């Protein structure tokens, strides 16, 4: 019931599981990469550290953009 209500509120229609699967299948690699570039902008990236942080020093200059995507270099 919650799913039906959510779909009605956001999309003003009911979308079947088959339609959702079909729409997902239409997405191609180029579209995924374009969205990733938009969402993971290196100038806006944030880092969260959890646990013991003894000796950890993290600087923005240590974050690097790799040719095939975004990654990090060792920061300790």
Protein backbone atom coordinates (compact mmCIF):
# COMPACT_ATOMS: atom_id res chain seq x y z
CA UNK A 1 0.00 0.00 0.00
CA UNK A 2 2.80 2.44 0.83
CA UNK A 3 4.35 1.82 -2.60
CA UNK A 4 1.04 2.60 -4.33
CA UNK A 5 0.65 5.83 -2.36
CA UNK A 6 4.25 6.89 -3.04
CA UNK A 7 3.90 6.28 -6.78
CA UNK A 8 0.64 8.23 -6.87
CA UNK A 9 2.21 11.17 -4.99
CA UNK A 10 5.42 11.36 -7.04
CA UNK A 11 4.43 10.09 -10.48
CA UNK A 12 0.63 10.48 -10.52
CA UNK A 13 0.39 6.95 -11.90
CA UNK A 14 1.08 3.35 -10.92
CA UNK A 15 4.22 1.89 -12.50
CA UNK A 16 4.31 -1.89 -12.73
CA UNK A 17 7.37 -3.98 -11.92
CA UNK A 18 7.62 -4.90 -15.61
CA UNK A 19 7.72 -1.21 -16.59
CA UNK A 20 10.42 -0.49 -14.01
CA UNK A 21 12.55 -3.39 -15.28
CA UNK A 22 12.09 -2.23 -18.88
CA UNK A 23 13.14 1.33 -17.99
CA UNK A 24 16.22 0.09 -16.14
CA UNK A 25 17.12 -2.03 -19.16
CA UNK A 26 17.06 1.07 -21.38
CA UNK A 27 19.88 2.73 -19.43
CA UNK A 28 23.26 2.46 -21.14
CA UNK A 29 26.85 2.77 -19.93
CA UNK A 30 27.26 6.30 -21.29
CA UNK A 31 24.24 7.50 -19.30
CA UNK A 32 25.56 5.90 -16.10
CA UNK A 33 29.00 7.47 -16.60
CA UNK A 34 27.49 10.90 -17.28
CA UNK A 35 25.42 10.69 -14.10
CA UNK A 36 28.44 9.55 -12.08
CA UNK A 37 30.48 12.51 -13.37
CA UNK A 38 27.68 14.86 -12.34
CA UNK A 39 27.17 13.33 -8.89
CA UNK A 40 30.80 12.70 -7.96
CA UNK A 41 32.31 16.10 -8.73
CA UNK A 42 35.80 16.10 -7.14
CA UNK A 43 35.35 19.72 -6.06
CA UNK A 44 32.33 18.72 -3.96
CA UNK A 45 33.35 15.28 -2.70
CA UNK A 46 33.26 14.61 1.04
CA UNK A 47 34.95 11.94 3.11
CA UNK A 48 33.68 10.31 6.28
CA UNK A 49 36.03 8.40 8.55
CA UNK A 50 34.78 6.02 11.21
CA UNK A 51 36.80 4.37 13.94
CA UNK A 52 40.14 5.14 15.52
CA UNK A 53 41.75 8.05 13.75
CA UNK A 54 45.13 7.99 15.48
CA UNK A 55 47.65 9.50 13.06
CA UNK A 56 45.23 9.94 10.16
CA UNK A 57 45.79 13.17 8.28
CA UNK A 58 43.61 13.78 5.26
CA UNK A 59 44.06 16.74 2.95
CA UNK A 60 42.07 17.68 -0.15
CA UNK A 61 45.33 17.71 -2.14
CA UNK A 62 45.66 13.97 -1.47
CA UNK A 63 42.38 13.21 -3.23
CA UNK A 64 43.01 12.46 -6.90
CA UNK A 65 40.85 11.93 -9.95
CA UNK A 66 41.83 8.81 -11.84
CA UNK A 67 41.37 8.50 -15.60
CA UNK A 68 38.57 5.91 -15.32
CA UNK A 69 36.81 7.41 -12.31
CA UNK A 70 37.31 8.95 -8.93
CA UNK A 71 39.63 7.35 -6.42
CA UNK A 72 41.81 8.27 -3.52
CA UNK A 73 45.47 7.95 -2.89
CA UNK A 74 46.80 6.79 0.49
CA UNK A 75 46.32 9.63 2.98
CA UNK A 76 48.02 8.37 6.12
